[in-house]
Amino acid sequence: MYLRKEAQARAFLAEPVTPTDLTSYPLIAAEIGITAQSATQVAQVYINLAFQWESVGAALETVRLGAINSIETATNASQITQTLTSFFTAMEAFNAPA
């Protein structure tokens, strides 16, 4: 869903003139007055969120894939336990208030 929102937002914002007919942008149209007051503002929110998710997603992938690699190459249970402890600590940091 979020990829479709981003695609609609990019297409909407790329229009040479701001569209008044939102038939081609149903996800944007559905959120006018909820997410933002205009179609342009909704589209910009989608773009901003996509950028934020890309940043967070990259950091999450580093933690996730690093943990998987450490577990796969561990030679004993202690190393796995240490990896899991580090993983959960890193994941908690994503929940910490800004």
PDB file of N, CA and C in Angstrom:
ATOM      1  N   MET A   1       0.815  -1.188   0.000  1.00  0.00           N
ATOM      2  CA  MET A   1       0.000   0.000   0.000  1.00  0.00           C
ATOM      3  C   MET A   1       0.864   1.260   0.000  1.00  0.00           C
ATOM      4  N   TYR A   2       1.908   1.220   0.847  1.00  0.00           N
ATOM      5  CA  TYR A   2       2.748   2.413   0.946  1.00  0.00           C
ATOM      6  C   TYR A   2       3.518   2.680  -0.351  1.00  0.00           C
ATOM      7  N   LEU A   3       3.897   1.626  -1.048  1.00  0.00           N
ATOM      8  CA  LEU A   3       4.575   1.818  -2.332  1.00  0.00           C
ATOM      9  C   LEU A   3       3.622   2.433  -3.351  1.00  0.00           C
ATOM     10  N   ARG A   4       2.370   2.040  -3.313  1.00  0.00           N
ATOM     11  CA  ARG A   4       1.373   2.629  -4.218  1.00  0.00           C
ATOM     12  C   ARG A   4       1.129   4.092  -3.871  1.00  0.00           C
ATOM     13  N   LYS A   5       1.083   4.396  -2.590  1.00  0.00           N
ATOM     14  CA  LYS A   5       0.914   5.790  -2.174  1.00  0.00           C
ATOM     15  C   LYS A   5       2.083   6.631  -2.674  1.00  0.00           C
ATOM     16  N   GLU A   6       3.278   6.103  -2.498  1.00  0.00           N
ATOM     17  CA  GLU A   6       4.454   6.844  -2.958  1.00  0.00           C
ATOM     18  C   GLU A   6       4.413   7.029  -4.467  1.00  0.00           C
ATOM     19  N   ALA A   7       4.046   5.992  -5.206  1.00  0.00           N
ATOM     20  CA  ALA A   7       3.981   6.087  -6.665  1.00  0.00           C
ATOM     21  C   ALA A   7       2.950   7.125  -7.096  1.00  0.00           C
ATOM     22  N   GLN A   8       1.784   7.106  -6.454  1.00  0.00           N
ATOM     23  CA  GLN A   8       0.765   8.105  -6.794  1.00  0.00           C
ATOM     24  C   GLN A   8       1.259   9.509  -6.469  1.00  0.00           C
ATOM     25  N   ALA A   9       1.908   9.662  -5.336  1.00  0.00           N
ATOM     26  CA  ALA A   9       2.415  10.975  -4.940  1.00  0.00           C
ATOM     27  C   ALA A   9       3.451  11.480  -5.936  1.00  0.00           C
ATOM     28  N   ARG A  10       4.357  10.623  -6.345  1.00  0.00           N
ATOM     29  CA  ARG A  10       5.384  11.047  -7.313  1.00  0.00           C
ATOM     30  C   ARG A  10       4.749  11.450  -8.647  1.00  0.00           C
ATOM     31  N   ALA A  11       3.783  10.649  -9.096  1.00  0.00           N
ATOM     32  CA  ALA A  11       3.104  10.972 -10.360  1.00  0.00           C
ATOM     33  C   ALA A  11       2.311  12.272 -10.228  1.00  0.00           C
ATOM     34  N   PHE A  12       1.609  12.432  -9.133  1.00  0.00           N
ATOM     35  CA  PHE A  12       0.807  13.645  -8.900  1.00  0.00           C
ATOM     36  C   PHE A  12       1.702  14.879  -8.888  1.00  0.00           C
ATOM     37  N   LEU A  13       2.780  14.824  -8.124  1.00  0.00           N
ATOM     38  CA  LEU A  13       3.669  15.980  -8.001  1.00  0.00           C
ATOM     39  C   LEU A  13       4.453  16.255  -9.280  1.00  0.00           C
ATOM     40  N   ALA A  14       4.557  15.268 -10.154  1.00  0.00           N
ATOM     41  CA  ALA A  14       5.266  15.458 -11.424  1.00  0.00           C
ATOM     42  C   ALA A  14       4.393  16.109 -12.496  1.00  0.00           C
ATOM     43  N   GLU A  15       3.089  16.183 -12.244  1.00  0.00           N
ATOM     44  CA  GLU A  15       2.189  16.809 -13.218  1.00  0.00           C
ATOM     45  C   GLU A  15       2.588  18.268 -13.416  1.00  0.00           C
ATOM     46  N   PRO A  16       2.585  18.753 -14.667  1.00  0.00           N
ATOM     47  CA  PRO A  16       2.968  20.140 -14.916  1.00  0.00           C
ATOM     48  C   PRO A  16       1.972  21.146 -14.311  1.00  0.00           C
ATOM     49  N   VAL A  17       0.729  20.738 -14.207  1.00  0.00           N
ATOM     50  CA  VAL A  17      -0.307  21.566 -13.582  1.00  0.00           C
ATOM     51  C   VAL A  17      -0.988  20.688 -12.523  1.00  0.00           C
ATOM     52  N   THR A  18      -1.220  21.225 -11.360  1.00  0.00           N
ATOM     53  CA  THR A  18      -1.842  20.452 -10.291  1.00  0.00           C
ATOM     54  C   THR A  18      -3.199  19.917 -10.744  1.00  0.00           C
ATOM     55  N   PRO A  19      -3.368  18.605 -10.739  1.00  0.00           N
ATOM     56  CA  PRO A  19      -4.628  18.022 -11.200  1.00  0.00           C
ATOM     57  C   PRO A  19      -5.806  18.393 -10.297  1.00  0.00           C
ATOM     58  N   THR A  20      -6.928  18.686 -10.918  1.00  0.00           N
ATOM     59  CA  THR A  20      -8.156  18.901 -10.153  1.00  0.00           C
ATOM     60  C   THR A  20      -9.008  17.636 -10.178  1.00  0.00           C
ATOM     61  N   ASP A  21      -8.834  16.816 -11.211  1.00  0.00           N
ATOM     62  CA  ASP A  21      -9.503  15.517 -11.297  1.00  0.00           C
ATOM     63  C   ASP A  21      -8.576  14.487 -10.667  1.00  0.00           C
ATOM     64  N   LEU A  22      -9.010  13.931  -9.569  1.00  0.00           N
ATOM     65  CA  LEU A  22      -8.159  13.006  -8.818  1.00  0.00           C
ATOM     66  C   LEU A  22      -8.472  11.543  -9.098  1.00  0.00           C
ATOM     67  N   THR A  23      -9.165  11.262 -10.188  1.00  0.00           N
ATOM     68  CA  THR A  23      -9.518   9.894 -10.547  1.00  0.00           C
ATOM     69  C   THR A  23      -8.286   8.997 -10.631  1.00  0.00           C
ATOM     70  N   SER A  24      -7.205   9.525 -11.125  1.00  0.00           N
ATOM     71  CA  SER A  24      -5.965   8.746 -11.259  1.00  0.00           C
ATOM     72  C   SER A  24      -5.194   8.638  -9.940  1.00  0.00           C
ATOM     73  N   TYR A  25      -5.684   9.322  -8.918  1.00  0.00           N
ATOM     74  CA  TYR A  25      -4.983   9.375  -7.632  1.00  0.00           C
ATOM     75  C   TYR A  25      -5.953   9.073  -6.479  1.00  0.00           C
ATOM     76  N   PRO A  26      -6.571   7.886  -6.494  1.00  0.00           N
ATOM     77  CA  PRO A  26      -7.599   7.591  -5.490  1.00  0.00           C
ATOM     78  C   PRO A  26      -7.083   7.549  -4.051  1.00  0.00           C
ATOM     79  N   LEU A  27      -5.851   7.119  -3.858  1.00  0.00           N
ATOM     80  CA  LEU A  27      -5.321   7.063  -2.496  1.00  0.00           C
ATOM     81  C   LEU A  27      -5.114   8.463  -1.936  1.00  0.00           C
ATOM     82  N   ILE A  28      -4.641   9.355  -2.772  1.00  0.00           N
ATOM     83  CA  ILE A  28      -4.474  10.747  -2.355  1.00  0.00           C
ATOM     84  C   ILE A  28      -5.837  11.357  -2.064  1.00  0.00           C
ATOM     85  N   ALA A  29      -6.782  11.169  -2.976  1.00  0.00           N
ATOM     86  CA  ALA A  29      -8.124  11.732  -2.812  1.00  0.00           C
ATOM     87  C   ALA A  29      -8.774  11.262  -1.516  1.00  0.00           C
ATOM     88  N   ALA A  30      -8.556   9.998  -1.153  1.00  0.00           N
ATOM     89  CA  ALA A  30      -9.179   9.428   0.039  1.00  0.00           C
ATOM     90  C   ALA A  30      -8.701  10.076   1.330  1.00  0.00           C
ATOM     91  N   GLU A  31      -7.545  10.703   1.299  1.00  0.00           N
ATOM     92  CA  GLU A  31      -6.974  11.243   2.533  1.00  0.00           C
ATOM     93  C   GLU A  31      -7.062  12.758   2.652  1.00  0.00           C
ATOM     94  N   ILE A  32      -7.645  13.416   1.657  1.00  0.00           N
ATOM     95  CA  ILE A  32      -7.810  14.868   1.749  1.00  0.00           C
ATOM     96  C   ILE A  32      -8.751  15.173   2.912  1.00  0.00           C
ATOM     97  N   GLY A  33      -8.335  16.081   3.759  1.00  0.00           N
ATOM     98  CA  GLY A  33      -9.116  16.434   4.935  1.00  0.00           C
ATOM     99  C   GLY A  33      -8.827  15.552   6.133  1.00  0.00           C
ATOM    100  N   ILE A  34      -8.047  14.493   5.925  1.00  0.00           N
ATOM    101  CA  ILE A  34      -7.669  13.594   7.026  1.00  0.00           C
ATOM    102  C   ILE A  34      -6.171  13.722   7.290  1.00  0.00           C
ATOM    103  N   THR A  35      -5.391  13.365   6.275  1.00  0.00           N
ATOM    104  CA  THR A  35      -3.941  13.442   6.395  1.00  0.00           C
ATOM    105  C   THR A  35      -3.458  14.883   6.218  1.00  0.00           C
ATOM    106  N   ALA A  36      -4.082  15.578   5.282  1.00  0.00           N
ATOM    107  CA  ALA A  36      -3.751  16.983   5.006  1.00  0.00           C
ATOM    108  C   ALA A  36      -4.957  17.619   4.316  1.00  0.00           C
ATOM    109  N   GLN A  37      -4.907  18.931   4.140  1.00  0.00           N
ATOM    110  CA  GLN A  37      -6.067  19.659   3.632  1.00  0.00           C
ATOM    111  C   GLN A  37      -6.181  19.702   2.112  1.00  0.00           C
ATOM    112  N   SER A  38      -5.106  19.384   1.404  1.00  0.00           N
ATOM    113  CA  SER A  38      -5.166  19.413  -0.061  1.00  0.00           C
ATOM    114  C   SER A  38      -4.471  18.180  -0.631  1.00  0.00           C
ATOM    115  N   ALA A  39      -4.759  17.898  -1.893  1.00  0.00           N
ATOM    116  CA  ALA A  39      -4.120  16.767  -2.566  1.00  0.00           C
ATOM    117  C   ALA A  39      -2.605  16.952  -2.619  1.00  0.00           C
ATOM    118  N   THR A  40      -2.162  18.150  -2.880  1.00  0.00           N
ATOM    119  CA  THR A  40      -0.722  18.421  -2.928  1.00  0.00           C
ATOM    120  C   THR A  40      -0.076  18.156  -1.578  1.00  0.00           C
ATOM    121  N   GLN A  41      -0.737  18.562  -0.514  1.00  0.00           N
ATOM    122  CA  GLN A  41      -0.189  18.329   0.820  1.00  0.00           C
ATOM    123  C   GLN A  41      -0.171  16.837   1.164  1.00  0.00           C
ATOM    124  N   VAL A  42      -1.224  16.117   0.792  1.00  0.00           N
ATOM    125  CA  VAL A  42      -1.249  14.667   1.026  1.00  0.00           C
ATOM    126  C   VAL A  42      -0.097  14.004   0.270  1.00  0.00           C
ATOM    127  N   ALA A  43       0.079  14.374  -0.987  1.00  0.00           N
ATOM    128  CA  ALA A  43       1.156  13.801  -1.795  1.00  0.00           C
ATOM    129  C   ALA A  43       2.514  14.081  -1.159  1.00  0.00           C
ATOM    130  N   GLN A  44       2.696  15.284  -0.642  1.00  0.00           N
ATOM    131  CA  GLN A  44       3.975  15.620  -0.023  1.00  0.00           C
ATOM    132  C   GLN A  44       4.195  14.808   1.251  1.00  0.00           C
ATOM    133  N   VAL A  45       3.127  14.574   2.015  1.00  0.00           N
ATOM    134  CA  VAL A  45       3.238  13.723   3.206  1.00  0.00           C
ATOM    135  C   VAL A  45       3.697  12.327   2.797  1.00  0.00           C
ATOM    136  N   TYR A  46       3.105  11.786   1.726  1.00  0.00           N
ATOM    137  CA  TYR A  46       3.508  10.458   1.250  1.00  0.00           C
ATOM    138  C   TYR A  46       4.996  10.419   0.906  1.00  0.00           C
ATOM    139  N   ILE A  47       5.474  11.447   0.221  1.00  0.00           N
ATOM    140  CA  ILE A  47       6.889  11.499  -0.170  1.00  0.00           C
ATOM    141  C   ILE A  47       7.772  11.595   1.078  1.00  0.00           C
ATOM    142  N   ASN A  48       7.375  12.438   2.012  1.00  0.00           N
ATOM    143  CA  ASN A  48       8.163  12.591   3.242  1.00  0.00           C
ATOM    144  C   ASN A  48       8.220  11.282   4.027  1.00  0.00           C
ATOM    145  N   LEU A  49       7.091  10.590   4.127  1.00  0.00           N
ATOM    146  CA  LEU A  49       7.064   9.320   4.845  1.00  0.00           C
ATOM    147  C   LEU A  49       7.905   8.254   4.138  1.00  0.00           C
ATOM    148  N   ALA A  50       7.861   8.256   2.825  1.00  0.00           N
ATOM    149  CA  ALA A  50       8.674   7.292   2.068  1.00  0.00           C
ATOM    150  C   ALA A  50      10.160   7.511   2.359  1.00  0.00           C
ATOM    151  N   PHE A  51      10.571   8.765   2.404  1.00  0.00           N
ATOM    152  CA  PHE A  51      11.967   9.077   2.702  1.00  0.00           C
ATOM    153  C   PHE A  51      12.320   8.612   4.119  1.00  0.00           C
ATOM    154  N   GLN A  52      11.434   8.870   5.082  1.00  0.00           N
ATOM    155  CA  GLN A  52      11.697   8.449   6.457  1.00  0.00           C
ATOM    156  C   GLN A  52      11.762   6.931   6.572  1.00  0.00           C
ATOM    157  N   TRP A  53      10.840   6.227   5.902  1.00  0.00           N
ATOM    158  CA  TRP A  53      10.854   4.771   5.961  1.00  0.00           C
ATOM    159  C   TRP A  53      12.109   4.193   5.321  1.00  0.00           C
ATOM    160  N   GLU A  54      12.593   4.846   4.273  1.00  0.00           N
ATOM    161  CA  GLU A  54      13.826   4.360   3.639  1.00  0.00           C
ATOM    162  C   GLU A  54      14.991   4.454   4.620  1.00  0.00           C
ATOM    163  N   SER A  55      15.070   5.560   5.338  1.00  0.00           N
ATOM    164  CA  SER A  55      16.145   5.732   6.315  1.00  0.00           C
ATOM    165  C   SER A  55      16.037   4.718   7.448  1.00  0.00           C
ATOM    166  N   VAL A  56      14.848   4.579   7.998  1.00  0.00           N
ATOM    167  CA  VAL A  56      14.636   3.633   9.090  1.00  0.00           C
ATOM    168  C   VAL A  56      14.821   2.203   8.586  1.00  0.00           C
ATOM    169  N   GLY A  57      14.301   1.920   7.400  1.00  0.00           N
ATOM    170  CA  GLY A  57      14.416   0.579   6.835  1.00  0.00           C
ATOM    171  C   GLY A  57      15.860   0.152   6.649  1.00  0.00           C
ATOM    172  N   ALA A  58      16.686   1.075   6.212  1.00  0.00           N
ATOM    173  CA  ALA A  58      18.105   0.744   6.031  1.00  0.00           C
ATOM    174  C   ALA A  58      18.749   0.386   7.365  1.00  0.00           C
ATOM    175  N   ALA A  59      18.443   1.160   8.380  1.00  0.00           N
ATOM    176  CA  ALA A  59      19.010   0.884   9.704  1.00  0.00           C
ATOM    177  C   ALA A  59      18.489  -0.447  10.257  1.00  0.00           C
ATOM    178  N   LEU A  60      17.203  -0.705  10.069  1.00  0.00           N
ATOM    179  CA  LEU A  60      16.635  -1.973  10.526  1.00  0.00           C
ATOM    180  C   LEU A  60      17.261  -3.167   9.807  1.00  0.00           C
ATOM    181  N   GLU A  61      17.472  -3.026   8.513  1.00  0.00           N
ATOM    182  CA  GLU A  61      18.079  -4.120   7.753  1.00  0.00           C
ATOM    183  C   GLU A  61      19.493  -4.413   8.230  1.00  0.00           C
ATOM    184  N   THR A  62      20.238  -3.387   8.572  1.00  0.00           N
ATOM    185  CA  THR A  62      21.592  -3.594   9.086  1.00  0.00           C
ATOM    186  C   THR A  62      21.551  -4.425  10.365  1.00  0.00           C
ATOM    187  N   VAL A  63      20.652  -4.061  11.271  1.00  0.00           N
ATOM    188  CA  VAL A  63      20.527  -4.795  12.534  1.00  0.00           C
ATOM    189  C   VAL A  63      20.044  -6.217  12.273  1.00  0.00           C
ATOM    190  N   ARG A  64      19.003  -6.357  11.474  1.00  0.00           N
ATOM    191  CA  ARG A  64      18.395  -7.664  11.218  1.00  0.00           C
ATOM    192  C   ARG A  64      19.364  -8.613  10.519  1.00  0.00           C
ATOM    193  N   LEU A  65      19.957  -8.139   9.427  1.00  0.00           N
ATOM    194  CA  LEU A  65      20.853  -9.005   8.661  1.00  0.00           C
ATOM    195  C   LEU A  65      22.141  -9.307   9.425  1.00  0.00           C
ATOM    196  N   GLY A  66      22.603  -8.337  10.201  1.00  0.00           N
ATOM    197  CA  GLY A  66      23.787  -8.581  11.027  1.00  0.00           C
ATOM    198  C   GLY A  66      23.533  -9.676  12.054  1.00  0.00           C
ATOM    199  N   ALA A  67      22.345  -9.645  12.652  1.00  0.00           N
ATOM    200  CA  ALA A  67      21.994 -10.671  13.638  1.00  0.00           C
ATOM    201  C   ALA A  67      21.880 -12.042  12.976  1.00  0.00           C
ATOM    202  N   ILE A  68      21.247 -12.093  11.826  1.00  0.00           N
ATOM    203  CA  ILE A  68      21.120 -13.366  11.107  1.00  0.00           C
ATOM    204  C   ILE A  68      22.500 -13.938  10.794  1.00  0.00           C
ATOM    205  N   ASN A  69      23.386 -13.090  10.286  1.00  0.00           N
ATOM    206  CA  ASN A  69      24.733 -13.541   9.955  1.00  0.00           C
ATOM    207  C   ASN A  69      25.464 -14.044  11.200  1.00  0.00           C
ATOM    208  N   SER A  70      25.337 -13.321  12.293  1.00  0.00           N
ATOM    209  CA  SER A  70      26.020 -13.734  13.531  1.00  0.00           C
ATOM    210  C   SER A  70      25.495 -15.073  14.045  1.00  0.00           C
ATOM    211  N   ILE A  71      24.190 -15.261  13.951  1.00  0.00           N
ATOM    212  CA  ILE A  71      23.609 -16.532  14.409  1.00  0.00           C
ATOM    213  C   ILE A  71      24.043 -17.681  13.501  1.00  0.00           C
ATOM    214  N   GLU A  72      24.036 -17.433  12.200  1.00  0.00           N
ATOM    215  CA  GLU A  72      24.427 -18.492  11.254  1.00  0.00           C
ATOM    216  C   GLU A  72      25.888 -18.897  11.393  1.00  0.00           C
ATOM    217  N   THR A  73      26.725 -17.981  11.830  1.00  0.00           N
ATOM    218  CA  THR A  73      28.154 -18.285  11.948  1.00  0.00           C
ATOM    219  C   THR A  73      28.577 -18.594  13.384  1.00  0.00           C
ATOM    220  N   ALA A  74      27.624 -18.537  14.315  1.00  0.00           N
ATOM    221  CA  ALA A  74      27.946 -18.828  15.717  1.00  0.00           C
ATOM    222  C   ALA A  74      28.410 -20.278  15.861  1.00  0.00           C
ATOM    223  N   THR A  75      29.329 -20.466  16.766  1.00  0.00           N
ATOM    224  CA  THR A  75      29.848 -21.818  16.995  1.00  0.00           C
ATOM    225  C   THR A  75      29.371 -22.410  18.309  1.00  0.00           C
ATOM    226  N   ASN A  76      28.640 -21.590  19.102  1.00  0.00           N
ATOM    227  CA  ASN A  76      28.107 -22.117  20.360  1.00  0.00           C
ATOM    228  C   ASN A  76      26.880 -21.306  20.788  1.00  0.00           C
ATOM    229  N   ALA A  77      26.177 -21.840  21.766  1.00  0.00           N
ATOM    230  CA  ALA A  77      24.940 -21.221  22.242  1.00  0.00           C
ATOM    231  C   ALA A  77      25.184 -19.860  22.877  1.00  0.00           C
ATOM    232  N   SER A  78      26.318 -19.690  23.501  1.00  0.00           N
ATOM    233  CA  SER A  78      26.645 -18.416  24.148  1.00  0.00           C
ATOM    234  C   SER A  78      26.728 -17.280  23.120  1.00  0.00           C
ATOM    235  N   GLN A  79      27.309 -17.557  21.972  1.00  0.00           N
ATOM    236  CA  GLN A  79      27.399 -16.547  20.917  1.00  0.00           C
ATOM    237  C   GLN A  79      26.004 -16.174  20.395  1.00  0.00           C
ATOM    238  N   ILE A  80      25.141 -17.171  20.293  1.00  0.00           N
ATOM    239  CA  ILE A  80      23.766 -16.907  19.844  1.00  0.00           C
ATOM    240  C   ILE A  80      23.040 -16.056  20.879  1.00  0.00           C
ATOM    241  N   THR A  81      23.184 -16.385  22.143  1.00  0.00           N
ATOM    242  CA  THR A  81      22.552 -15.607  23.208  1.00  0.00           C
ATOM    243  C   THR A  81      23.047 -14.174  23.198  1.00  0.00           C
ATOM    244  N   GLN A  82      24.344 -13.994  23.034  1.00  0.00           N
ATOM    245  CA  GLN A  82      24.924 -12.654  22.983  1.00  0.00           C
ATOM    246  C   GLN A  82      24.390 -11.883  21.776  1.00  0.00           C
ATOM    247  N   THR A  83      24.270 -12.539  20.635  1.00  0.00           N
ATOM    248  CA  THR A  83      23.730 -11.904  19.431  1.00  0.00           C
ATOM    249  C   THR A  83      22.282 -11.480  19.653  1.00  0.00           C
ATOM    250  N   LEU A  84      21.494 -12.370  20.244  1.00  0.00           N
ATOM    251  CA  LEU A  84      20.085 -12.038  20.488  1.00  0.00           C
ATOM    252  C   LEU A  84      19.944 -10.871  21.461  1.00  0.00           C
ATOM    253  N   THR A  85      20.770 -10.849  22.489  1.00  0.00           N
ATOM    254  CA  THR A  85      20.744  -9.738  23.443  1.00  0.00           C
ATOM    255  C   THR A  85      21.075  -8.424  22.734  1.00  0.00           C
ATOM    256  N   SER A  86      22.101  -8.447  21.906  1.00  0.00           N
ATOM    257  CA  SER A  86      22.481  -7.250  21.154  1.00  0.00           C
ATOM    258  C   SER A  86      21.379  -6.832  20.180  1.00  0.00           C
ATOM    259  N   PHE A  87      20.775  -7.828  19.542  1.00  0.00           N
ATOM    260  CA  PHE A  87      19.694  -7.553  18.586  1.00  0.00           C
ATOM    261  C   PHE A  87      18.525  -6.867  19.283  1.00  0.00           C
ATOM    262  N   PHE A  88      18.078  -7.429  20.403  1.00  0.00           N
ATOM    263  CA  PHE A  88      16.926  -6.852  21.102  1.00  0.00           C
ATOM    264  C   PHE A  88      17.242  -5.464  21.653  1.00  0.00           C
ATOM    265  N   THR A  89      18.466  -5.249  22.090  1.00  0.00           N
ATOM    266  CA  THR A  89      18.874  -3.924  22.557  1.00  0.00           C
ATOM    267  C   THR A  89      18.825  -2.923  21.403  1.00  0.00           C
ATOM    268  N   ALA A  90      19.327  -3.334  20.251  1.00  0.00           N
ATOM    269  CA  ALA A  90      19.302  -2.447  19.076  1.00  0.00           C
ATOM    270  C   ALA A  90      17.875  -2.153  18.645  1.00  0.00           C
ATOM    271  N   MET A  91      17.008  -3.167  18.686  1.00  0.00           N
ATOM    272  CA  MET A  91      15.618  -2.950  18.292  1.00  0.00           C
ATOM    273  C   MET A  91      14.901  -2.022  19.259  1.00  0.00           C
ATOM    274  N   GLU A  92      15.212  -2.121  20.524  1.00  0.00           N
ATOM    275  CA  GLU A  92      14.609  -1.215  21.525  1.00  0.00           C
ATOM    276  C   GLU A  92      14.959   0.236  21.223  1.00  0.00           C
ATOM    277  N   ALA A  93      16.140   0.464  20.690  1.00  0.00           N
ATOM    278  CA  ALA A  93      16.553   1.835  20.366  1.00  0.00           C
ATOM    279  C   ALA A  93      15.623   2.456  19.328  1.00  0.00           C
ATOM    280  N   PHE A  94      15.013   1.642  18.474  1.00  0.00           N
ATOM    281  CA  PHE A  94      14.069   2.158  17.475  1.00  0.00           C
ATOM    282  C   PHE A  94      12.761   2.602  18.142  1.00  0.00           C
ATOM    283  N   ASN A  95      12.477   2.076  19.327  1.00  0.00           N
ATOM    284  CA  ASN A  95      11.255   2.441  20.039  1.00  0.00           C
ATOM    285  C   ASN A  95      11.446   3.605  20.984  1.00  0.00           C
ATOM    286  N   ALA A  96      12.682   4.010  21.202  1.00  0.00           N
ATOM    287  CA  ALA A  96      12.961   5.080  22.149  1.00  0.00           C
ATOM    288  C   ALA A  96      12.374   6.399  21.639  1.00  0.00           C
ATOM    289  N   PRO A  97      11.796   7.183  22.543  1.00  0.00           N
ATOM    290  CA  PRO A  97      11.260   8.485  22.113  1.00  0.00           C
ATOM    291  C   PRO A  97      12.380   9.382  21.599  1.00  0.00           C
ATOM    292  N   ALA A  98      12.040  10.147  20.590  1.00  0.00           N
ATOM    293  CA  ALA A  98      13.047  11.048  19.988  1.00  0.00           C
ATOM    294  C   ALA A  98      13.346  12.215  20.881  1.00  0.00           C
TER     295      ALA A  98
END
